[in-house]
Amino acid sequence: MGKPAQLTRTHRILIGVVIAGAVLIAAIGFTGSYAAVRALAEKKGFGAFAAVFPIGIDAGIVVLLAL
């Protein structure tokens, strides 16, 4: 095996930009999903549980994707 490739400063900056973009997109998706599922849960009569229900749904999705 050869010597591993060295990342230049430009590569590190680009990786940081990609990671920041991915986190921003994930945050936008989570916010939209949370709002929609919470509104539906409130409409269906979940009461106070409606605020945490969307987090459980998203956590379940993450776990199933990880499996």
PDB file of N, CA and C in Angstrom:
ATOM      1  N   MET A   1       0.834  -1.167   0.000  1.00  0.00           N
ATOM      2  CA  MET A   1       0.000   0.000   0.000  1.00  0.00           C
ATOM      3  C   MET A   1       0.888   1.243   0.000  1.00  0.00           C
ATOM      4  N   GLY A   2       0.432   2.226  -0.739  1.00  0.00           N
ATOM      5  CA  GLY A   2       1.199   3.463  -0.854  1.00  0.00           C
ATOM      6  C   GLY A   2       0.856   4.440   0.241  1.00  0.00           C
ATOM      7  N   LYS A   3       1.502   5.570   0.156  1.00  0.00           N
ATOM      8  CA  LYS A   3       1.284   6.638   1.114  1.00  0.00           C
ATOM      9  C   LYS A   3      -0.092   7.274   0.861  1.00  0.00           C
ATOM     10  N   PRO A   4      -0.872   7.537   1.917  1.00  0.00           N
ATOM     11  CA  PRO A   4      -2.189   8.148   1.709  1.00  0.00           C
ATOM     12  C   PRO A   4      -2.059   9.557   1.121  1.00  0.00           C
ATOM     13  N   ALA A   5      -3.041   9.942   0.321  1.00  0.00           N
ATOM     14  CA  ALA A   5      -3.021  11.263  -0.304  1.00  0.00           C
ATOM     15  C   ALA A   5      -3.201  12.349   0.757  1.00  0.00           C
ATOM     16  N   GLN A   6      -2.488  13.420   0.594  1.00  0.00           N
ATOM     17  CA  GLN A   6      -2.602  14.559   1.508  1.00  0.00           C
ATOM     18  C   GLN A   6      -3.691  15.503   1.022  1.00  0.00           C
ATOM     19  N   LEU A   7      -4.497  15.971   1.948  1.00  0.00           N
ATOM     20  CA  LEU A   7      -5.528  16.940   1.595  1.00  0.00           C
ATOM     21  C   LEU A   7      -4.921  18.337   1.629  1.00  0.00           C
ATOM     22  N   THR A   8      -5.166  19.086   0.571  1.00  0.00           N
ATOM     23  CA  THR A   8      -4.690  20.461   0.544  1.00  0.00           C
ATOM     24  C   THR A   8      -5.658  21.341   1.319  1.00  0.00           C
ATOM     25  N   ARG A   9      -5.262  22.579   1.540  1.00  0.00           N
ATOM     26  CA  ARG A   9      -6.122  23.541   2.236  1.00  0.00           C
ATOM     27  C   ARG A   9      -7.420  23.726   1.458  1.00  0.00           C
ATOM     28  N   THR A  10      -7.334  23.770   0.144  1.00  0.00           N
ATOM     29  CA  THR A  10      -8.520  23.929  -0.701  1.00  0.00           C
ATOM     30  C   THR A  10      -9.467  22.747  -0.538  1.00  0.00           C
ATOM     31  N   HIS A  11      -8.915  21.538  -0.475  1.00  0.00           N
ATOM     32  CA  HIS A  11      -9.756  20.352  -0.273  1.00  0.00           C
ATOM     33  C   HIS A  11     -10.501  20.441   1.063  1.00  0.00           C
ATOM     34  N   ARG A  12      -9.794  20.846   2.099  1.00  0.00           N
ATOM     35  CA  ARG A  12     -10.417  20.948   3.421  1.00  0.00           C
ATOM     36  C   ARG A  12     -11.525  21.988   3.428  1.00  0.00           C
ATOM     37  N   ILE A  13     -11.297  23.108   2.747  1.00  0.00           N
ATOM     38  CA  ILE A  13     -12.325  24.148   2.670  1.00  0.00           C
ATOM     39  C   ILE A  13     -13.547  23.622   1.922  1.00  0.00           C
ATOM     40  N   LEU A  14     -13.317  22.948   0.806  1.00  0.00           N
ATOM     41  CA  LEU A  14     -14.429  22.398   0.029  1.00  0.00           C
ATOM     42  C   LEU A  14     -15.206  21.344   0.820  1.00  0.00           C
ATOM     43  N   ILE A  15     -14.508  20.510   1.562  1.00  0.00           N
ATOM     44  CA  ILE A  15     -15.174  19.514   2.406  1.00  0.00           C
ATOM     45  C   ILE A  15     -16.030  20.216   3.459  1.00  0.00           C
ATOM     46  N   GLY A  16     -15.504  21.286   4.050  1.00  0.00           N
ATOM     47  CA  GLY A  16     -16.268  22.055   5.033  1.00  0.00           C
ATOM     48  C   GLY A  16     -17.518  22.673   4.435  1.00  0.00           C
ATOM     49  N   VAL A  17     -17.393  23.190   3.204  1.00  0.00           N
ATOM     50  CA  VAL A  17     -18.547  23.791   2.532  1.00  0.00           C
ATOM     51  C   VAL A  17     -19.608  22.727   2.248  1.00  0.00           C
ATOM     52  N   VAL A  18     -19.181  21.553   1.798  1.00  0.00           N
ATOM     53  CA  VAL A  18     -20.124  20.470   1.507  1.00  0.00           C
ATOM     54  C   VAL A  18     -20.827  20.013   2.794  1.00  0.00           C
ATOM     55  N   ILE A  19     -20.077  19.870   3.865  1.00  0.00           N
ATOM     56  CA  ILE A  19     -20.674  19.454   5.140  1.00  0.00           C
ATOM     57  C   ILE A  19     -21.658  20.510   5.634  1.00  0.00           C
ATOM     58  N   ALA A  20     -21.280  21.783   5.561  1.00  0.00           N
ATOM     59  CA  ALA A  20     -22.177  22.858   5.991  1.00  0.00           C
ATOM     60  C   ALA A  20     -23.453  22.865   5.147  1.00  0.00           C
ATOM     61  N   GLY A  21     -23.318  22.654   3.842  1.00  0.00           N
ATOM     62  CA  GLY A  21     -24.488  22.599   2.963  1.00  0.00           C
ATOM     63  C   GLY A  21     -25.388  21.431   3.302  1.00  0.00           C
ATOM     64  N   ALA A  22     -24.787  20.279   3.589  1.00  0.00           N
ATOM     65  CA  ALA A  22     -25.574  19.096   3.937  1.00  0.00           C
ATOM     66  C   ALA A  22     -26.330  19.312   5.247  1.00  0.00           C
ATOM     67  N   VAL A  23     -25.681  19.936   6.220  1.00  0.00           N
ATOM     68  CA  VAL A  23     -26.339  20.219   7.501  1.00  0.00           C
ATOM     69  C   VAL A  23     -27.481  21.213   7.299  1.00  0.00           C
ATOM     70  N   LEU A  24     -27.271  22.226   6.462  1.00  0.00           N
ATOM     71  CA  LEU A  24     -28.328  23.201   6.179  1.00  0.00           C
ATOM     72  C   LEU A  24     -29.534  22.538   5.511  1.00  0.00           C
ATOM     73  N   ILE A  25     -29.284  21.694   4.523  1.00  0.00           N
ATOM     74  CA  ILE A  25     -30.370  20.992   3.836  1.00  0.00           C
ATOM     75  C   ILE A  25     -31.111  20.064   4.799  1.00  0.00           C
ATOM     76  N   ALA A  26     -30.364  19.378   5.656  1.00  0.00           N
ATOM     77  CA  ALA A  26     -30.993  18.494   6.642  1.00  0.00           C
ATOM     78  C   ALA A  26     -31.851  19.296   7.622  1.00  0.00           C
ATOM     79  N   ALA A  27     -31.371  20.460   8.045  1.00  0.00           N
ATOM     80  CA  ALA A  27     -32.127  21.294   8.977  1.00  0.00           C
ATOM     81  C   ALA A  27     -33.417  21.798   8.338  1.00  0.00           C
ATOM     82  N   ILE A  28     -33.346  22.202   7.075  1.00  0.00           N
ATOM     83  CA  ILE A  28     -34.541  22.662   6.367  1.00  0.00           C
ATOM     84  C   ILE A  28     -35.550  21.515   6.242  1.00  0.00           C
ATOM     85  N   GLY A  29     -35.068  20.336   5.878  1.00  0.00           N
ATOM     86  CA  GLY A  29     -35.945  19.175   5.755  1.00  0.00           C
ATOM     87  C   GLY A  29     -36.577  18.790   7.077  1.00  0.00           C
ATOM     88  N   PHE A  30     -35.780  18.795   8.151  1.00  0.00           N
ATOM     89  CA  PHE A  30     -36.306  18.436   9.463  1.00  0.00           C
ATOM     90  C   PHE A  30     -37.362  19.441   9.907  1.00  0.00           C
ATOM     91  N   THR A  31     -37.096  20.727   9.692  1.00  0.00           N
ATOM     92  CA  THR A  31     -38.038  21.767  10.104  1.00  0.00           C
ATOM     93  C   THR A  31     -39.376  21.618   9.381  1.00  0.00           C
ATOM     94  N   GLY A  32     -39.319  21.412   8.074  1.00  0.00           N
ATOM     95  CA  GLY A  32     -40.553  21.228   7.309  1.00  0.00           C
ATOM     96  C   GLY A  32     -41.296  19.980   7.719  1.00  0.00           C
ATOM     97  N   SER A  33     -40.560  18.894   7.894  1.00  0.00           N
ATOM     98  CA  SER A  33     -41.168  17.633   8.303  1.00  0.00           C
ATOM     99  C   SER A  33     -41.789  17.764   9.690  1.00  0.00           C
ATOM    100  N   TYR A  34     -41.056  18.378  10.607  1.00  0.00           N
ATOM    101  CA  TYR A  34     -41.541  18.540  11.977  1.00  0.00           C
ATOM    102  C   TYR A  34     -42.851  19.327  11.993  1.00  0.00           C
ATOM    103  N   ALA A  35     -42.867  20.448  11.274  1.00  0.00           N
ATOM    104  CA  ALA A  35     -44.060  21.305  11.270  1.00  0.00           C
ATOM    105  C   ALA A  35     -45.270  20.570  10.692  1.00  0.00           C
ATOM    106  N   ALA A  36     -45.052  19.851   9.600  1.00  0.00           N
ATOM    107  CA  ALA A  36     -46.168  19.151   8.953  1.00  0.00           C
ATOM    108  C   ALA A  36     -46.705  18.018   9.823  1.00  0.00           C
ATOM    109  N   VAL A  37     -45.815  17.220  10.392  1.00  0.00           N
ATOM    110  CA  VAL A  37     -46.250  16.084  11.214  1.00  0.00           C
ATOM    111  C   VAL A  37     -46.873  16.570  12.519  1.00  0.00           C
ATOM    112  N   ARG A  38     -46.323  17.641  13.092  1.00  0.00           N
ATOM    113  CA  ARG A  38     -46.904  18.173  14.328  1.00  0.00           C
ATOM    114  C   ARG A  38     -48.322  18.687  14.076  1.00  0.00           C
ATOM    115  N   ALA A  39     -48.499  19.412  12.977  1.00  0.00           N
ATOM    116  CA  ALA A  39     -49.839  19.927  12.651  1.00  0.00           C
ATOM    117  C   ALA A  39     -50.826  18.778  12.461  1.00  0.00           C
ATOM    118  N   LEU A  40     -50.399  17.733  11.792  1.00  0.00           N
ATOM    119  CA  LEU A  40     -51.277  16.573  11.577  1.00  0.00           C
ATOM    120  C   LEU A  40     -51.596  15.886  12.912  1.00  0.00           C
ATOM    121  N   ALA A  41     -50.568  15.748  13.772  1.00  0.00           N
ATOM    122  CA  ALA A  41     -50.792  15.110  15.072  1.00  0.00           C
ATOM    123  C   ALA A  41     -51.753  15.939  15.921  1.00  0.00           C
ATOM    124  N   GLU A  42     -51.621  17.268  15.875  1.00  0.00           N
ATOM    125  CA  GLU A  42     -52.545  18.123  16.625  1.00  0.00           C
ATOM    126  C   GLU A  42     -53.964  17.983  16.083  1.00  0.00           C
ATOM    127  N   LYS A  43     -54.077  17.921  14.754  1.00  0.00           N
ATOM    128  CA  LYS A  43     -55.393  17.785  14.114  1.00  0.00           C
ATOM    129  C   LYS A  43     -56.046  16.448  14.483  1.00  0.00           C
ATOM    130  N   LYS A  44     -55.226  15.406  14.652  1.00  0.00           N
ATOM    131  CA  LYS A  44     -55.752  14.077  14.973  1.00  0.00           C
ATOM    132  C   LYS A  44     -55.972  13.877  16.477  1.00  0.00           C
ATOM    133  N   GLY A  45     -55.704  14.911  17.284  1.00  0.00           N
ATOM    134  CA  GLY A  45     -56.000  14.839  18.706  1.00  0.00           C
ATOM    135  C   GLY A  45     -54.921  14.212  19.576  1.00  0.00           C
ATOM    136  N   PHE A  46     -53.662  14.377  19.221  1.00  0.00           N
ATOM    137  CA  PHE A  46     -52.582  13.819  20.026  1.00  0.00           C
ATOM    138  C   PHE A  46     -52.300  14.635  21.282  1.00  0.00           C
ATOM    139  N   GLY A  47     -52.863  15.824  21.391  1.00  0.00           N
ATOM    140  CA  GLY A  47     -52.675  16.664  22.573  1.00  0.00           C
ATOM    141  C   GLY A  47     -51.237  17.119  22.730  1.00  0.00           C
ATOM    142  N   ALA A  48     -50.738  17.094  23.974  1.00  0.00           N
ATOM    143  CA  ALA A  48     -49.378  17.557  24.264  1.00  0.00           C
ATOM    144  C   ALA A  48     -48.327  16.676  23.588  1.00  0.00           C
ATOM    145  N   PHE A  49     -48.654  15.424  23.319  1.00  0.00           N
ATOM    146  CA  PHE A  49     -47.711  14.494  22.677  1.00  0.00           C
ATOM    147  C   PHE A  49     -47.406  14.905  21.239  1.00  0.00           C
ATOM    148  N   ALA A  50     -48.249  15.757  20.655  1.00  0.00           N
ATOM    149  CA  ALA A  50     -48.059  16.187  19.266  1.00  0.00           C
ATOM    150  C   ALA A  50     -46.726  16.901  19.066  1.00  0.00           C
ATOM    151  N   ALA A  51     -46.207  17.540  20.114  1.00  0.00           N
ATOM    152  CA  ALA A  51     -44.940  18.272  19.994  1.00  0.00           C
ATOM    153  C   ALA A  51     -43.736  17.343  19.863  1.00  0.00           C
ATOM    154  N   VAL A  52     -43.786  16.159  20.454  1.00  0.00           N
ATOM    155  CA  VAL A  52     -42.644  15.236  20.399  1.00  0.00           C
ATOM    156  C   VAL A  52     -42.839  14.101  19.394  1.00  0.00           C
ATOM    157  N   PHE A  53     -44.055  13.912  18.953  1.00  0.00           N
ATOM    158  CA  PHE A  53     -44.349  12.837  17.996  1.00  0.00           C
ATOM    159  C   PHE A  53     -43.488  12.912  16.732  1.00  0.00           C
ATOM    160  N   PRO A  54     -43.314  14.099  16.111  1.00  0.00           N
ATOM    161  CA  PRO A  54     -42.489  14.164  14.895  1.00  0.00           C
ATOM    162  C   PRO A  54     -41.031  13.758  15.132  1.00  0.00           C
ATOM    163  N   ILE A  55     -40.518  14.030  16.315  1.00  0.00           N
ATOM    164  CA  ILE A  55     -39.133  13.649  16.621  1.00  0.00           C
ATOM    165  C   ILE A  55     -39.020  12.130  16.652  1.00  0.00           C
ATOM    166  N   GLY A  56     -40.014  11.458  17.207  1.00  0.00           N
ATOM    167  CA  GLY A  56     -40.029   9.995  17.228  1.00  0.00           C
ATOM    168  C   GLY A  56     -40.104   9.407  15.830  1.00  0.00           C
ATOM    169  N   ILE A  57     -40.897  10.028  14.981  1.00  0.00           N
ATOM    170  CA  ILE A  57     -40.999   9.558  13.594  1.00  0.00           C
ATOM    171  C   ILE A  57     -39.652   9.697  12.888  1.00  0.00           C
ATOM    172  N   ASP A  58     -39.027  10.882  13.010  1.00  0.00           N
ATOM    173  CA  ASP A  58     -37.732  11.101  12.349  1.00  0.00           C
ATOM    174  C   ASP A  58     -36.643  10.190  12.928  1.00  0.00           C
ATOM    175  N   ALA A  59     -36.671   9.965  14.228  1.00  0.00           N
ATOM    176  CA  ALA A  59     -35.699   9.057  14.844  1.00  0.00           C
ATOM    177  C   ALA A  59     -35.893   7.634  14.307  1.00  0.00           C
ATOM    178  N   GLY A  60     -37.153   7.224  14.156  1.00  0.00           N
ATOM    179  CA  GLY A  60     -37.434   5.903  13.601  1.00  0.00           C
ATOM    180  C   GLY A  60     -36.916   5.764  12.168  1.00  0.00           C
ATOM    181  N   ILE A  61     -37.067   6.817  11.373  1.00  0.00           N
ATOM    182  CA  ILE A  61     -36.555   6.800  10.009  1.00  0.00           C
ATOM    183  C   ILE A  61     -35.035   6.641  10.008  1.00  0.00           C
ATOM    184  N   VAL A  62     -34.360   7.387  10.869  1.00  0.00           N
ATOM    185  CA  VAL A  62     -32.890   7.308  10.959  1.00  0.00           C
ATOM    186  C   VAL A  62     -32.458   5.897  11.347  1.00  0.00           C
ATOM    187  N   VAL A  63     -33.134   5.314  12.336  1.00  0.00           N
ATOM    188  CA  VAL A  63     -32.780   3.962  12.782  1.00  0.00           C
ATOM    189  C   VAL A  63     -32.994   2.944  11.667  1.00  0.00           C
ATOM    190  N   LEU A  64     -34.117   3.032  10.975  1.00  0.00           N
ATOM    191  CA  LEU A  64     -34.383   2.083   9.887  1.00  0.00           C
ATOM    192  C   LEU A  64     -33.376   2.252   8.746  1.00  0.00           C
ATOM    193  N   LEU A  65     -33.008   3.480   8.440  1.00  0.00           N
ATOM    194  CA  LEU A  65     -31.988   3.695   7.405  1.00  0.00           C
ATOM    195  C   LEU A  65     -30.635   3.131   7.834  1.00  0.00           C
ATOM    196  N   ALA A  66     -30.319   3.261   9.120  1.00  0.00           N
ATOM    197  CA  ALA A  66     -29.046   2.743   9.631  1.00  0.00           C
ATOM    198  C   ALA A  66     -29.000   1.221   9.568  1.00  0.00           C
ATOM    199  N   LEU A  67     -30.163   0.593   9.769  1.00  0.00           N
ATOM    200  CA  LEU A  67     -30.204  -0.873   9.706  1.00  0.00           C
ATOM    201  C   LEU A  67     -29.928  -1.330   8.288  1.00  0.00           C
TER     202      LEU A  67
END
